[in-house]
Amino acid sequence: MTTEGHIAALERRHQELDRKIQTEMQSTRFDNLTVAALKRKKLEVKDEIYRFNATTQ
């Protein structure tokens, strides 16, 4: 996979996690631990995107 392809895949994963977080938070009985775990994963993906962008410039 090319660097651009990898970045695109990471961006899709980031958006997917954001949708999951929003869906979970809209639930009437959402779980704070689940939301926190999803936010942590989303941040990890965002950090990886920044690392890849920094190495390509």
N, C-alpha and C. Protein backbone atom coordinates (compact mmCIF):
# COMPACT_ATOMS: atom_id res chain seq x y z
N MET A 1 0.85 -1.18 0.00
CA MET A 1 0.00 0.00 0.00
C MET A 1 0.89 1.24 0.00
N THR A 2 0.52 2.21 -0.80
CA THR A 2 1.28 3.45 -0.86
C THR A 2 1.03 4.27 0.40
N THR A 3 1.90 5.24 0.59
CA THR A 3 1.73 6.11 1.76
C THR A 3 0.40 6.86 1.68
N GLU A 4 0.05 7.34 0.47
CA GLU A 4 -1.21 8.05 0.31
C GLU A 4 -2.39 7.13 0.59
N GLY A 5 -2.29 5.89 0.14
CA GLY A 5 -3.35 4.92 0.40
C GLY A 5 -3.50 4.61 1.87
N HIS A 6 -2.36 4.54 2.54
CA HIS A 6 -2.39 4.25 3.98
C HIS A 6 -3.02 5.43 4.73
N ILE A 7 -2.65 6.64 4.35
CA ILE A 7 -3.23 7.82 4.98
C ILE A 7 -4.73 7.87 4.74
N ALA A 8 -5.15 7.56 3.51
CA ALA A 8 -6.59 7.56 3.20
C ALA A 8 -7.32 6.52 4.04
N ALA A 9 -6.71 5.35 4.21
CA ALA A 9 -7.34 4.30 5.03
C ALA A 9 -7.44 4.76 6.49
N LEU A 10 -6.40 5.43 6.98
CA LEU A 10 -6.43 5.94 8.35
C LEU A 10 -7.51 7.01 8.51
N GLU A 11 -7.65 7.87 7.50
CA GLU A 11 -8.68 8.91 7.57
C GLU A 11 -10.08 8.29 7.58
N ARG A 12 -10.28 7.23 6.79
CA ARG A 12 -11.57 6.54 6.81
C ARG A 12 -11.83 5.92 8.18
N ARG A 13 -10.80 5.32 8.76
CA ARG A 13 -10.93 4.71 10.10
C ARG A 13 -11.27 5.79 11.13
N HIS A 14 -10.63 6.96 11.02
CA HIS A 14 -10.89 8.08 11.93
C HIS A 14 -12.35 8.51 11.83
N GLN A 15 -12.86 8.63 10.60
CA GLN A 15 -14.26 9.01 10.40
C GLN A 15 -15.22 7.94 10.94
N GLU A 16 -14.86 6.69 10.73
CA GLU A 16 -15.68 5.58 11.23
C GLU A 16 -15.77 5.62 12.75
N LEU A 17 -14.65 5.86 13.40
CA LEU A 17 -14.65 5.95 14.85
C LEU A 17 -15.48 7.14 15.32
N ASP A 18 -15.40 8.26 14.60
CA ASP A 18 -16.20 9.43 14.95
C ASP A 18 -17.69 9.10 14.86
N ARG A 19 -18.09 8.39 13.82
CA ARG A 19 -19.50 8.00 13.68
C ARG A 19 -19.92 7.07 14.81
N LYS A 20 -19.05 6.15 15.19
CA LYS A 20 -19.37 5.23 16.29
C LYS A 20 -19.54 5.99 17.60
N ILE A 21 -18.67 6.98 17.82
CA ILE A 21 -18.76 7.78 19.04
C ILE A 21 -20.08 8.53 19.06
N GLN A 22 -20.43 9.17 17.95
CA GLN A 22 -21.69 9.92 17.88
C GLN A 22 -22.89 9.00 18.10
N THR A 23 -22.86 7.83 17.49
CA THR A 23 -23.96 6.88 17.64
C THR A 23 -24.09 6.44 19.10
N GLU A 24 -22.96 6.14 19.71
CA GLU A 24 -22.97 5.69 21.11
C GLU A 24 -23.49 6.80 22.03
N MET A 25 -23.08 8.03 21.78
CA MET A 25 -23.47 9.13 22.65
C MET A 25 -24.95 9.50 22.47
N GLN A 26 -25.52 9.19 21.31
CA GLN A 26 -26.94 9.47 21.08
C GLN A 26 -27.84 8.41 21.71
N SER A 27 -27.25 7.31 22.07
CA SER A 27 -28.01 6.25 22.72
C SER A 27 -28.51 6.75 24.08
N THR A 28 -29.68 6.32 24.46
CA THR A 28 -30.23 6.76 25.74
C THR A 28 -29.45 6.17 26.93
N ARG A 29 -28.77 5.07 26.69
CA ARG A 29 -28.01 4.42 27.77
C ARG A 29 -26.58 4.16 27.33
N PHE A 30 -25.88 5.24 26.93
CA PHE A 30 -24.52 5.03 26.44
C PHE A 30 -23.56 4.74 27.57
N ASP A 31 -22.50 4.05 27.22
CA ASP A 31 -21.50 3.61 28.19
C ASP A 31 -20.29 4.54 28.10
N ASN A 32 -19.98 5.22 29.20
CA ASN A 32 -18.85 6.15 29.23
C ASN A 32 -17.53 5.45 28.92
N LEU A 33 -17.37 4.23 29.38
CA LEU A 33 -16.12 3.51 29.12
C LEU A 33 -15.96 3.18 27.64
N THR A 34 -17.04 2.83 26.99
CA THR A 34 -17.00 2.55 25.56
C THR A 34 -16.66 3.81 24.79
N VAL A 35 -17.29 4.92 25.13
CA VAL A 35 -17.02 6.19 24.47
C VAL A 35 -15.56 6.59 24.68
N ALA A 36 -15.06 6.44 25.88
CA ALA A 36 -13.68 6.79 26.17
C ALA A 36 -12.71 5.93 25.36
N ALA A 37 -13.00 4.64 25.25
CA ALA A 37 -12.14 3.74 24.47
C ALA A 37 -12.16 4.12 22.99
N LEU A 38 -13.33 4.45 22.47
CA LEU A 38 -13.43 4.86 21.07
C LEU A 38 -12.68 6.17 20.83
N LYS A 39 -12.78 7.10 21.76
CA LYS A 39 -12.07 8.38 21.62
C LYS A 39 -10.56 8.16 21.67
N ARG A 40 -10.12 7.25 22.51
CA ARG A 40 -8.70 6.94 22.61
C ARG A 40 -8.18 6.36 21.29
N LYS A 41 -8.95 5.42 20.71
CA LYS A 41 -8.57 4.83 19.42
C LYS A 41 -8.55 5.90 18.34
N LYS A 42 -9.55 6.79 18.36
CA LYS A 42 -9.62 7.85 17.37
C LYS A 42 -8.39 8.75 17.46
N LEU A 43 -7.96 9.07 18.67
CA LEU A 43 -6.78 9.90 18.87
C LEU A 43 -5.52 9.18 18.38
N GLU A 44 -5.43 7.88 18.61
CA GLU A 44 -4.28 7.11 18.13
C GLU A 44 -4.21 7.15 16.61
N VAL A 45 -5.36 7.02 15.96
CA VAL A 45 -5.39 7.07 14.49
C VAL A 45 -4.99 8.47 14.02
N LYS A 46 -5.48 9.49 14.68
CA LYS A 46 -5.14 10.86 14.31
C LYS A 46 -3.64 11.10 14.45
N ASP A 47 -3.05 10.61 15.52
CA ASP A 47 -1.60 10.73 15.71
C ASP A 47 -0.83 10.04 14.59
N GLU A 48 -1.30 8.87 14.19
CA GLU A 48 -0.64 8.14 13.11
C GLU A 48 -0.76 8.90 11.79
N ILE A 49 -1.91 9.51 11.55
CA ILE A 49 -2.09 10.32 10.33
C ILE A 49 -1.07 11.46 10.33
N TYR A 50 -0.93 12.14 11.45
CA TYR A 50 0.02 13.25 11.53
C TYR A 50 1.46 12.76 11.31
N ARG A 51 1.81 11.60 11.87
CA ARG A 51 3.15 11.06 11.67
C ARG A 51 3.42 10.79 10.19
N PHE A 52 2.45 10.18 9.51
CA PHE A 52 2.61 9.89 8.09
C PHE A 52 2.69 11.17 7.28
N ASN A 53 1.86 12.15 7.60
CA ASN A 53 1.91 13.42 6.88
C ASN A 53 3.24 14.13 7.10
N ALA A 54 3.79 14.03 8.29
CA ALA A 54 5.06 14.70 8.59
C ALA A 54 6.22 14.06 7.81
N THR A 55 6.15 12.75 7.61
CA THR A 55 7.24 12.07 6.90
C THR A 55 7.15 12.25 5.39
N THR A 56 5.98 12.60 4.87
CA THR A 56 5.83 12.76 3.43
C THR A 56 6.12 14.18 2.97
N GLN A 57 6.31 15.09 3.90
CA GLN A 57 6.55 16.48 3.51
C GLN A 57 8.01 16.83 3.58
